[in-house]
């Protein structure tokens, strides 16, 4: 069974791919995606505090305590729908 990738690793791989680089090509002796870890960490730090829209979306999920993953998805979906000004798109 393949090891499950951490959120930080998945974010770094996504940034690497978005920059047009192959994730696993070797760069300075390690996979290229690893060179995006600091940027990925910066993004996670930036979104650590949810926006009002995210909080509202998380609260709207019924019985979130029993399904934290569903609340997380709703909150991230709400963040992705924002236009950068804190307003829903």
C-alpha atoms as a PDB file:
ATOM      1  CA  UNK A   1       0.000   0.000   0.000  1.00  0.00           C
ATOM      2  CA  UNK A   2       1.344   3.407  -0.976  1.00  0.00           C
ATOM      3  CA  UNK A   3       2.084   5.850   1.800  1.00  0.00           C
ATOM      4  CA  UNK A   4      -0.466   8.611   2.201  1.00  0.00           C
ATOM      5  CA  UNK A   5       0.972  12.012   1.322  1.00  0.00           C
ATOM      6  CA  UNK A   6       0.762  14.788   3.903  1.00  0.00           C
ATOM      7  CA  UNK A   7      -1.228  17.933   3.176  1.00  0.00           C
ATOM      8  CA  UNK A   8       2.046  19.853   2.968  1.00  0.00           C
ATOM      9  CA  UNK A   9       3.466  17.409   0.415  1.00  0.00           C
ATOM     10  CA  UNK A  10       0.285  17.473  -1.677  1.00  0.00           C
ATOM     11  CA  UNK A  11       0.354  21.284  -1.663  1.00  0.00           C
ATOM     12  CA  UNK A  12       4.044  21.361  -2.653  1.00  0.00           C
ATOM     13  CA  UNK A  13       3.411  18.894  -5.478  1.00  0.00           C
ATOM     14  CA  UNK A  14       0.463  20.994  -6.691  1.00  0.00           C
ATOM     15  CA  UNK A  15       2.571  24.174  -6.693  1.00  0.00           C
ATOM     16  CA  UNK A  16       5.330  22.366  -8.563  1.00  0.00           C
ATOM     17  CA  UNK A  17       2.893  21.117 -11.199  1.00  0.00           C
ATOM     18  CA  UNK A  18       1.211  24.534 -11.470  1.00  0.00           C
ATOM     19  CA  UNK A  19       4.635  26.038 -12.191  1.00  0.00           C
ATOM     20  CA  UNK A  20       4.954  23.613 -15.097  1.00  0.00           C
ATOM     21  CA  UNK A  21       7.559  21.375 -13.490  1.00  0.00           C
ATOM     22  CA  UNK A  22       7.452  17.581 -13.264  1.00  0.00           C
ATOM     23  CA  UNK A  23       7.007  16.661  -9.582  1.00  0.00           C
ATOM     24  CA  UNK A  24       9.569  13.881  -9.424  1.00  0.00           C
ATOM     25  CA  UNK A  25      12.333  15.152 -11.686  1.00  0.00           C
ATOM     26  CA  UNK A  26      15.524  15.394  -9.640  1.00  0.00           C
ATOM     27  CA  UNK A  27      16.614  18.905  -8.727  1.00  0.00           C
ATOM     28  CA  UNK A  28      19.634  19.435  -6.482  1.00  0.00           C
ATOM     29  CA  UNK A  29      19.560  15.751  -5.529  1.00  0.00           C
ATOM     30  CA  UNK A  30      15.905  15.525  -4.515  1.00  0.00           C
ATOM     31  CA  UNK A  31      12.483  15.456  -6.189  1.00  0.00           C
ATOM     32  CA  UNK A  32      11.550  18.859  -7.652  1.00  0.00           C
ATOM     33  CA  UNK A  33       8.347  19.108  -5.575  1.00  0.00           C
ATOM     34  CA  UNK A  34      10.457  19.328  -2.412  1.00  0.00           C
ATOM     35  CA  UNK A  35      11.769  22.708  -3.543  1.00  0.00           C
ATOM     36  CA  UNK A  36       8.194  24.023  -3.169  1.00  0.00           C
ATOM     37  CA  UNK A  37       7.789  23.029   0.496  1.00  0.00           C
ATOM     38  CA  UNK A  38       8.452  26.531   1.855  1.00  0.00           C
ATOM     39  CA  UNK A  39       5.853  28.051  -0.482  1.00  0.00           C
ATOM     40  CA  UNK A  40       3.345  25.340   0.404  1.00  0.00           C
ATOM     41  CA  UNK A  41       3.934  25.957   4.109  1.00  0.00           C
ATOM     42  CA  UNK A  42       3.410  29.708   3.565  1.00  0.00           C
ATOM     43  CA  UNK A  43       0.052  29.018   1.920  1.00  0.00           C
ATOM     44  CA  UNK A  44      -1.061  26.766   4.784  1.00  0.00           C
ATOM     45  CA  UNK A  45      -0.031  29.410   7.328  1.00  0.00           C
ATOM     46  CA  UNK A  46      -1.962  32.037   5.343  1.00  0.00           C
ATOM     47  CA  UNK A  47      -5.165  29.978   5.368  1.00  0.00           C
ATOM     48  CA  UNK A  48      -4.844  28.798   8.955  1.00  0.00           C
ATOM     49  CA  UNK A  49      -7.450  31.338  10.047  1.00  0.00           C
ATOM     50  CA  UNK A  50     -10.645  30.733   8.068  1.00  0.00           C
ATOM     51  CA  UNK A  51     -12.521  33.578   6.428  1.00  0.00           C
ATOM     52  CA  UNK A  52     -16.066  34.404   7.517  1.00  0.00           C
ATOM     53  CA  UNK A  53     -17.361  32.612   4.423  1.00  0.00           C
ATOM     54  CA  UNK A  54     -15.403  29.477   5.368  1.00  0.00           C
ATOM     55  CA  UNK A  55     -16.663  29.534   8.943  1.00  0.00           C
ATOM     56  CA  UNK A  56     -20.225  29.901   7.720  1.00  0.00           C
ATOM     57  CA  UNK A  57     -19.813  27.005   5.291  1.00  0.00           C
ATOM     58  CA  UNK A  58     -18.349  24.809   8.026  1.00  0.00           C
ATOM     59  CA  UNK A  59     -21.186  25.658  10.390  1.00  0.00           C
ATOM     60  CA  UNK A  60     -23.724  24.824   7.697  1.00  0.00           C
ATOM     61  CA  UNK A  61     -22.553  21.212   7.520  1.00  0.00           C
ATOM     62  CA  UNK A  62     -24.935  19.106   9.589  1.00  0.00           C
ATOM     63  CA  UNK A  63     -23.352  17.187  12.479  1.00  0.00           C
ATOM     64  CA  UNK A  64     -19.855  18.337  11.534  1.00  0.00           C
ATOM     65  CA  UNK A  65     -18.445  16.845  14.710  1.00  0.00           C
ATOM     66  CA  UNK A  66     -19.114  13.410  13.304  1.00  0.00           C
ATOM     67  CA  UNK A  67     -17.800  14.330   9.848  1.00  0.00           C
ATOM     68  CA  UNK A  68     -14.990  16.839  10.141  1.00  0.00           C
ATOM     69  CA  UNK A  69     -13.824  15.952   6.623  1.00  0.00           C
ATOM     70  CA  UNK A  70     -17.131  17.109   5.158  1.00  0.00           C
ATOM     71  CA  UNK A  71     -16.886  20.391   7.081  1.00  0.00           C
ATOM     72  CA  UNK A  72     -13.281  20.841   5.868  1.00  0.00           C
ATOM     73  CA  UNK A  73     -14.373  20.276   2.244  1.00  0.00           C
ATOM     74  CA  UNK A  74     -17.222  22.764   2.612  1.00  0.00           C
ATOM     75  CA  UNK A  75     -14.883  25.352   4.110  1.00  0.00           C
ATOM     76  CA  UNK A  76     -12.206  24.933   1.427  1.00  0.00           C
ATOM     77  CA  UNK A  77     -14.860  25.000  -1.312  1.00  0.00           C
ATOM     78  CA  UNK A  78     -16.140  28.283   0.146  1.00  0.00           C
ATOM     79  CA  UNK A  79     -12.584  29.690   0.201  1.00  0.00           C
ATOM     80  CA  UNK A  80     -12.056  28.682  -3.430  1.00  0.00           C
ATOM     81  CA  UNK A  81     -15.281  30.477  -4.350  1.00  0.00           C
ATOM     82  CA  UNK A  82     -14.067  33.776  -2.843  1.00  0.00           C
ATOM     83  CA  UNK A  83     -12.669  36.347  -5.239  1.00  0.00           C
ATOM     84  CA  UNK A  84      -9.769  37.521  -3.082  1.00  0.00           C
ATOM     85  CA  UNK A  85     -11.708  40.325  -1.434  1.00  0.00           C
ATOM     86  CA  UNK A  86     -13.444  38.091   1.076  1.00  0.00           C
ATOM     87  CA  UNK A  87     -16.620  38.115  -0.976  1.00  0.00           C
ATOM     88  CA  UNK A  88     -18.116  34.996  -2.587  1.00  0.00           C
ATOM     89  CA  UNK A  89     -17.702  34.815  -6.345  1.00  0.00           C
END
